Amino acid sequence: MKPNVGTIDRILRFALGLVLLYLAFLSGLPLFDAPLYKYGAAIIGIVMLVVAALRICPIYAILGIRTCPAAR
C-alpha cells in the first residue's frame, strides 16, 4: 500500500494518540475510571500512533482520501 497520511496529519495523529493514552492511564479524571472510556481511549490512542508511524490509514484508503502529496 502507498502512504496516504501526510506530515501534518501524522503530527496531529501522534499528538492525539499521546493525549488519549495520557487521559486513559495517567490523568486521574473520574470519566476515565470507567473501563469503557479508559480502554476505549487507550485503543484509539494506540491506533492513532500506529497510523502515524506507518503513514497508512485504512479508512482513508477506503474513502480514497490522501493527505500525503507524494501519493497523489
PDB file of N, CA and C in Angstrom:
ATOM      1  N   MET A   1       0.833  -1.187   0.000  1.00  0.00           N
ATOM      2  CA  MET A   1       0.000   0.000   0.000  1.00  0.00           C
ATOM      3  C   MET A   1       0.876   1.247   0.000  1.00  0.00           C
ATOM      4  N   LYS A   2       0.385   2.272  -0.667  1.00  0.00           N
ATOM      5  CA  LYS A   2       1.094   3.535  -0.696  1.00  0.00           C
ATOM      6  C   LYS A   2       0.713   4.366   0.524  1.00  0.00           C
ATOM      7  N   PRO A   3       1.634   5.170   1.019  1.00  0.00           N
ATOM      8  CA  PRO A   3       1.296   6.061   2.142  1.00  0.00           C
ATOM      9  C   PRO A   3       0.192   7.039   1.724  1.00  0.00           C
ATOM     10  N   ASN A   4      -0.763   7.246   2.625  1.00  0.00           N
ATOM     11  CA  ASN A   4      -1.839   8.175   2.339  1.00  0.00           C
ATOM     12  C   ASN A   4      -2.048   9.193   3.467  1.00  0.00           C
ATOM     13  N   VAL A   5      -1.088   9.272   4.384  1.00  0.00           N
ATOM     14  CA  VAL A   5      -1.172  10.203   5.503  1.00  0.00           C
ATOM     15  C   VAL A   5       0.004  11.168   5.402  1.00  0.00           C
ATOM     16  N   GLY A   6      -0.306  12.460   5.303  1.00  0.00           N
ATOM     17  CA  GLY A   6       0.717  13.489   5.166  1.00  0.00           C
ATOM     18  C   GLY A   6       1.364  13.867   6.489  1.00  0.00           C
ATOM     19  N   THR A   7       2.314  14.775   6.424  1.00  0.00           N
ATOM     20  CA  THR A   7       3.115  15.152   7.591  1.00  0.00           C
ATOM     21  C   THR A   7       2.277  15.814   8.680  1.00  0.00           C
ATOM     22  N   ILE A   8       1.470  16.793   8.313  1.00  0.00           N
ATOM     23  CA  ILE A   8       0.655  17.482   9.325  1.00  0.00           C
ATOM     24  C   ILE A   8      -0.341  16.512   9.941  1.00  0.00           C
ATOM     25  N   ASP A   9      -0.927  15.664   9.115  1.00  0.00           N
ATOM     26  CA  ASP A   9      -1.860  14.649   9.593  1.00  0.00           C
ATOM     27  C   ASP A   9      -1.159  13.693  10.563  1.00  0.00           C
ATOM     28  N   ARG A  10       0.072  13.306  10.242  1.00  0.00           N
ATOM     29  CA  ARG A  10       0.846  12.421  11.125  1.00  0.00           C
ATOM     30  C   ARG A  10       1.106  13.065  12.476  1.00  0.00           C
ATOM     31  N   ILE A  11       1.486  14.341  12.449  1.00  0.00           N
ATOM     32  CA  ILE A  11       1.782  15.054  13.696  1.00  0.00           C
ATOM     33  C   ILE A  11       0.532  15.144  14.566  1.00  0.00           C
ATOM     34  N   LEU A  12      -0.596  15.473  13.943  1.00  0.00           N
ATOM     35  CA  LEU A  12      -1.846  15.577  14.705  1.00  0.00           C
ATOM     36  C   LEU A  12      -2.280  14.225  15.261  1.00  0.00           C
ATOM     37  N   ARG A  13      -2.136  13.177  14.465  1.00  0.00           N
ATOM     38  CA  ARG A  13      -2.493  11.839  14.956  1.00  0.00           C
ATOM     39  C   ARG A  13      -1.571  11.395  16.100  1.00  0.00           C
ATOM     40  N   PHE A  14      -0.288  11.690  15.966  1.00  0.00           N
ATOM     41  CA  PHE A  14       0.660  11.339  17.020  1.00  0.00           C
ATOM     42  C   PHE A  14       0.308  12.058  18.322  1.00  0.00           C
ATOM     43  N   ALA A  15       0.024  13.365  18.228  1.00  0.00           N
ATOM     44  CA  ALA A  15      -0.326  14.147  19.408  1.00  0.00           C
ATOM     45  C   ALA A  15      -1.629  13.640  20.020  1.00  0.00           C
ATOM     46  N   LEU A  16      -2.628  13.364  19.185  1.00  0.00           N
ATOM     47  CA  LEU A  16      -3.897  12.851  19.688  1.00  0.00           C
ATOM     48  C   LEU A  16      -3.711  11.500  20.366  1.00  0.00           C
ATOM     49  N   GLY A  17      -2.901  10.644  19.781  1.00  0.00           N
ATOM     50  CA  GLY A  17      -2.636   9.338  20.389  1.00  0.00           C
ATOM     51  C   GLY A  17      -1.994   9.467  21.758  1.00  0.00           C
ATOM     52  N   LEU A  18      -1.014  10.349  21.883  1.00  0.00           N
ATOM     53  CA  LEU A  18      -0.370  10.554  23.180  1.00  0.00           C
ATOM     54  C   LEU A  18      -1.342  11.125  24.207  1.00  0.00           C
ATOM     55  N   VAL A  19      -2.163  12.081  23.784  1.00  0.00           N
ATOM     56  CA  VAL A  19      -3.138  12.691  24.701  1.00  0.00           C
ATOM     57  C   VAL A  19      -4.146  11.645  25.174  1.00  0.00           C
ATOM     58  N   LEU A  20      -4.637  10.819  24.269  1.00  0.00           N
ATOM     59  CA  LEU A  20      -5.600   9.796  24.665  1.00  0.00           C
ATOM     60  C   LEU A  20      -4.991   8.768  25.615  1.00  0.00           C
ATOM     61  N   LEU A  21      -3.756   8.374  25.376  1.00  0.00           N
ATOM     62  CA  LEU A  21      -3.105   7.437  26.298  1.00  0.00           C
ATOM     63  C   LEU A  21      -2.863   8.079  27.660  1.00  0.00           C
ATOM     64  N   TYR A  22      -2.499   9.358  27.653  1.00  0.00           N
ATOM     65  CA  TYR A  22      -2.325  10.081  28.915  1.00  0.00           C
ATOM     66  C   TYR A  22      -3.649  10.139  29.676  1.00  0.00           C
ATOM     67  N   LEU A  23      -4.713  10.510  28.976  1.00  0.00           N
ATOM     68  CA  LEU A  23      -6.019  10.599  29.638  1.00  0.00           C
ATOM     69  C   LEU A  23      -6.458   9.246  30.184  1.00  0.00           C
ATOM     70  N   ALA A  24      -6.207   8.188  29.435  1.00  0.00           N
ATOM     71  CA  ALA A  24      -6.653   6.860  29.857  1.00  0.00           C
ATOM     72  C   ALA A  24      -5.907   6.347  31.082  1.00  0.00           C
ATOM     73  N   PHE A  25      -4.610   6.608  31.170  1.00  0.00           N
ATOM     74  CA  PHE A  25      -3.830   5.952  32.216  1.00  0.00           C
ATOM     75  C   PHE A  25      -3.226   6.871  33.267  1.00  0.00           C
ATOM     76  N   LEU A  26      -3.020   8.130  32.974  1.00  0.00           N
ATOM     77  CA  LEU A  26      -2.299   8.981  33.919  1.00  0.00           C
ATOM     78  C   LEU A  26      -3.074  10.195  34.418  1.00  0.00           C
ATOM     79  N   SER A  27      -4.201  10.524  33.812  1.00  0.00           N
ATOM     80  CA  SER A  27      -4.872  11.784  34.146  1.00  0.00           C
ATOM     81  C   SER A  27      -5.572  11.746  35.499  1.00  0.00           C
ATOM     82  N   GLY A  28      -6.141  10.631  35.866  1.00  0.00           N
ATOM     83  CA  GLY A  28      -6.871  10.542  37.120  1.00  0.00           C
ATOM     84  C   GLY A  28      -8.260  11.166  37.055  1.00  0.00           C
ATOM     85  N   LEU A  29      -8.723  11.523  35.875  1.00  0.00           N
ATOM     86  CA  LEU A  29     -10.058  12.097  35.729  1.00  0.00           C
ATOM     87  C   LEU A  29     -11.116  11.030  36.012  1.00  0.00           C
ATOM     88  N   PRO A  30     -12.192  11.399  36.688  1.00  0.00           N
ATOM     89  CA  PRO A  30     -13.225  10.408  37.034  1.00  0.00           C
ATOM     90  C   PRO A  30     -13.871   9.745  35.811  1.00  0.00           C
ATOM     91  N   LEU A  31     -13.964  10.462  34.699  1.00  0.00           N
ATOM     92  CA  LEU A  31     -14.560   9.889  33.493  1.00  0.00           C
ATOM     93  C   LEU A  31     -13.801   8.650  33.040  1.00  0.00           C
ATOM     94  N   PHE A  32     -12.494   8.680  33.182  1.00  0.00           N
ATOM     95  CA  PHE A  32     -11.673   7.575  32.692  1.00  0.00           C
ATOM     96  C   PHE A  32     -11.487   6.468  33.730  1.00  0.00           C
ATOM     97  N   ASP A  33     -12.251   6.526  34.812  1.00  0.00           N
ATOM     98  CA  ASP A  33     -12.285   5.402  35.751  1.00  0.00           C
ATOM     99  C   ASP A  33     -13.159   4.271  35.206  1.00  0.00           C
ATOM    100  N   ALA A  34     -14.136   4.629  34.375  1.00  0.00           N
ATOM    101  CA  ALA A  34     -14.997   3.619  33.763  1.00  0.00           C
ATOM    102  C   ALA A  34     -14.195   2.851  32.714  1.00  0.00           C
ATOM    103  N   PRO A  35     -14.284   1.525  32.732  1.00  0.00           N
ATOM    104  CA  PRO A  35     -13.487   0.724  31.785  1.00  0.00           C
ATOM    105  C   PRO A  35     -13.762   1.041  30.313  1.00  0.00           C
ATOM    106  N   LEU A  36     -15.003   1.356  29.979  1.00  0.00           N
ATOM    107  CA  LEU A  36     -15.334   1.648  28.592  1.00  0.00           C
ATOM    108  C   LEU A  36     -14.555   2.849  28.082  1.00  0.00           C
ATOM    109  N   TYR A  37     -14.509   3.918  28.836  1.00  0.00           N
ATOM    110  CA  TYR A  37     -13.799   5.124  28.417  1.00  0.00           C
ATOM    111  C   TYR A  37     -12.288   4.948  28.511  1.00  0.00           C
ATOM    112  N   LYS A  38     -11.848   4.279  29.571  1.00  0.00           N
ATOM    113  CA  LYS A  38     -10.413   4.089  29.763  1.00  0.00           C
ATOM    114  C   LYS A  38      -9.804   3.264  28.632  1.00  0.00           C
ATOM    115  N   TYR A  39     -10.369   2.090  28.393  1.00  0.00           N
ATOM    116  CA  TYR A  39      -9.792   1.213  27.382  1.00  0.00           C
ATOM    117  C   TYR A  39     -10.169   1.644  25.971  1.00  0.00           C
ATOM    118  N   GLY A  40     -11.308   2.298  25.819  1.00  0.00           N
ATOM    119  CA  GLY A  40     -11.666   2.861  24.517  1.00  0.00           C
ATOM    120  C   GLY A  40     -10.677   3.929  24.099  1.00  0.00           C
ATOM    121  N   ALA A  41     -10.343   4.833  25.021  1.00  0.00           N
ATOM    122  CA  ALA A  41      -9.364   5.881  24.732  1.00  0.00           C
ATOM    123  C   ALA A  41      -7.988   5.274  24.473  1.00  0.00           C
ATOM    124  N   ALA A  42      -7.643   4.230  25.211  1.00  0.00           N
ATOM    125  CA  ALA A  42      -6.340   3.583  25.026  1.00  0.00           C
ATOM    126  C   ALA A  42      -6.244   2.927  23.648  1.00  0.00           C
ATOM    127  N   ILE A  43      -7.290   2.234  23.236  1.00  0.00           N
ATOM    128  CA  ILE A  43      -7.275   1.562  21.934  1.00  0.00           C
ATOM    129  C   ILE A  43      -7.202   2.587  20.804  1.00  0.00           C
ATOM    130  N   ILE A  44      -8.007   3.623  20.894  1.00  0.00           N
ATOM    131  CA  ILE A  44      -7.982   4.656  19.856  1.00  0.00           C
ATOM    132  C   ILE A  44      -6.621   5.356  19.841  1.00  0.00           C
ATOM    133  N   GLY A  45      -6.045   5.591  21.016  1.00  0.00           N
ATOM    134  CA  GLY A  45      -4.726   6.211  21.091  1.00  0.00           C
ATOM    135  C   GLY A  45      -3.656   5.360  20.435  1.00  0.00           C
ATOM    136  N   ILE A  46      -3.699   4.067  20.673  1.00  0.00           N
ATOM    137  CA  ILE A  46      -2.722   3.162  20.061  1.00  0.00           C
ATOM    138  C   ILE A  46      -2.907   3.118  18.548  1.00  0.00           C
ATOM    139  N   VAL A  47      -4.149   3.083  18.086  1.00  0.00           N
ATOM    140  CA  VAL A  47      -4.411   3.086  16.646  1.00  0.00           C
ATOM    141  C   VAL A  47      -3.871   4.363  16.018  1.00  0.00           C
ATOM    142  N   MET A  48      -4.072   5.501  16.665  1.00  0.00           N
ATOM    143  CA  MET A  48      -3.567   6.768  16.135  1.00  0.00           C
ATOM    144  C   MET A  48      -2.037   6.746  16.030  1.00  0.00           C
ATOM    145  N   LEU A  49      -1.363   6.202  17.033  1.00  0.00           N
ATOM    146  CA  LEU A  49       0.094   6.124  16.998  1.00  0.00           C
ATOM    147  C   LEU A  49       0.587   5.179  15.903  1.00  0.00           C
ATOM    148  N   VAL A  50      -0.099   4.069  15.711  1.00  0.00           N
ATOM    149  CA  VAL A  50       0.296   3.118  14.669  1.00  0.00           C
ATOM    150  C   VAL A  50       0.111   3.732  13.285  1.00  0.00           C
ATOM    151  N   VAL A  51      -1.019   4.396  13.066  1.00  0.00           N
ATOM    152  CA  VAL A  51      -1.265   5.039  11.774  1.00  0.00           C
ATOM    153  C   VAL A  51      -0.228   6.134  11.516  1.00  0.00           C
ATOM    154  N   ALA A  52       0.113   6.895  12.548  1.00  0.00           N
ATOM    155  CA  ALA A  52       1.119   7.943  12.391  1.00  0.00           C
ATOM    156  C   ALA A  52       2.483   7.333  12.047  1.00  0.00           C
ATOM    157  N   ALA A  53       2.804   6.203  12.630  1.00  0.00           N
ATOM    158  CA  ALA A  53       4.099   5.577  12.367  1.00  0.00           C
ATOM    159  C   ALA A  53       4.159   4.939  10.979  1.00  0.00           C
ATOM    160  N   LEU A  54       3.077   4.300  10.555  1.00  0.00           N
ATOM    161  CA  LEU A  54       3.072   3.582   9.281  1.00  0.00           C
ATOM    162  C   LEU A  54       2.691   4.456   8.090  1.00  0.00           C
ATOM    163  N   ARG A  55       2.067   5.587   8.348  1.00  0.00           N
ATOM    164  CA  ARG A  55       1.607   6.527   7.313  1.00  0.00           C
ATOM    165  C   ARG A  55       0.552   5.923   6.405  1.00  0.00           C
ATOM    166  N   ILE A  56      -0.156   4.903   6.881  1.00  0.00           N
ATOM    167  CA  ILE A  56      -1.217   4.275   6.104  1.00  0.00           C
ATOM    168  C   ILE A  56      -2.479   4.221   6.971  1.00  0.00           C
ATOM    169  N   CYS A  57      -3.542   4.857   6.490  1.00  0.00           N
ATOM    170  CA  CYS A  57      -4.819   4.851   7.198  1.00  0.00           C
ATOM    171  C   CYS A  57      -5.815   4.040   6.376  1.00  0.00           C
ATOM    172  N   PRO A  58      -6.311   2.938   6.922  1.00  0.00           N
ATOM    173  CA  PRO A  58      -7.259   2.109   6.168  1.00  0.00           C
ATOM    174  C   PRO A  58      -8.554   2.854   5.818  1.00  0.00           C
ATOM    175  N   ILE A  59      -9.019   3.707   6.690  1.00  0.00           N
ATOM    176  CA  ILE A  59     -10.249   4.455   6.407  1.00  0.00           C
ATOM    177  C   ILE A  59     -10.015   5.425   5.259  1.00  0.00           C
ATOM    178  N   TYR A  60      -8.864   6.080   5.238  1.00  0.00           N
ATOM    179  CA  TYR A  60      -8.521   6.948   4.117  1.00  0.00           C
ATOM    180  C   TYR A  60      -8.467   6.144   2.821  1.00  0.00           C
ATOM    181  N   ALA A  61      -7.925   4.943   2.869  1.00  0.00           N
ATOM    182  CA  ALA A  61      -7.822   4.104   1.671  1.00  0.00           C
ATOM    183  C   ALA A  61      -9.212   3.740   1.149  1.00  0.00           C
ATOM    184  N   ILE A  62     -10.129   3.411   2.034  1.00  0.00           N
ATOM    185  CA  ILE A  62     -11.487   3.056   1.629  1.00  0.00           C
ATOM    186  C   ILE A  62     -12.193   4.257   0.996  1.00  0.00           C
ATOM    187  N   LEU A  63     -12.010   5.435   1.595  1.00  0.00           N
ATOM    188  CA  LEU A  63     -12.683   6.639   1.115  1.00  0.00           C
ATOM    189  C   LEU A  63     -11.939   7.336  -0.025  1.00  0.00           C
ATOM    190  N   GLY A  64     -10.721   6.880  -0.329  1.00  0.00           N
ATOM    191  CA  GLY A  64      -9.944   7.477  -1.404  1.00  0.00           C
ATOM    192  C   GLY A  64      -9.333   8.820  -1.039  1.00  0.00           C
ATOM    193  N   ILE A  65      -9.109   9.063   0.238  1.00  0.00           N
ATOM    194  CA  ILE A  65      -8.538  10.320   0.713  1.00  0.00           C
ATOM    195  C   ILE A  65      -7.029  10.161   0.831  1.00  0.00           C
ATOM    196  N   ARG A  66      -6.288  11.186   0.408  1.00  0.00           N
ATOM    197  CA  ARG A  66      -4.832  11.195   0.559  1.00  0.00           C
ATOM    198  C   ARG A  66      -4.409  12.578   1.026  1.00  0.00           C
ATOM    199  N   THR A  67      -3.705  12.629   2.132  1.00  0.00           N
ATOM    200  CA  THR A  67      -3.146  13.895   2.595  1.00  0.00           C
ATOM    201  C   THR A  67      -1.644  13.944   2.367  1.00  0.00           C
ATOM    202  N   CYS A  68      -1.108  12.882   1.806  1.00  0.00           N
ATOM    203  CA  CYS A  68       0.315  12.790   1.505  1.00  0.00           C
ATOM    204  C   CYS A  68       0.541  13.235   0.067  1.00  0.00           C
ATOM    205  N   PRO A  69       1.296  14.313  -0.151  1.00  0.00           N
ATOM    206  CA  PRO A  69       1.488  14.798  -1.515  1.00  0.00           C
ATOM    207  C   PRO A  69       2.233  13.816  -2.424  1.00  0.00           C
ATOM    208  N   ALA A  70       3.075  12.970  -1.891  1.00  0.00           N
ATOM    209  CA  ALA A  70       3.835  12.029  -2.710  1.00  0.00           C
ATOM    210  C   ALA A  70       2.948  10.934  -3.268  1.00  0.00           C
ATOM    211  N   ALA A  71       1.822  10.660  -2.644  1.00  0.00           N
ATOM    212  CA  ALA A  71       0.946   9.569  -3.059  1.00  0.00           C
ATOM    213  C   ALA A  71      -0.114  10.018  -4.063  1.00  0.00           C
ATOM    214  N   ARG A  72      -0.110  11.264  -4.469  1.00  0.00           N
ATOM    215  CA  ARG A  72      -1.152  11.747  -5.382  1.00  0.00           C
ATOM    216  C   ARG A  72      -0.854  11.407  -6.773  1.00  0.00           C
TER     217      ARG A  72
END
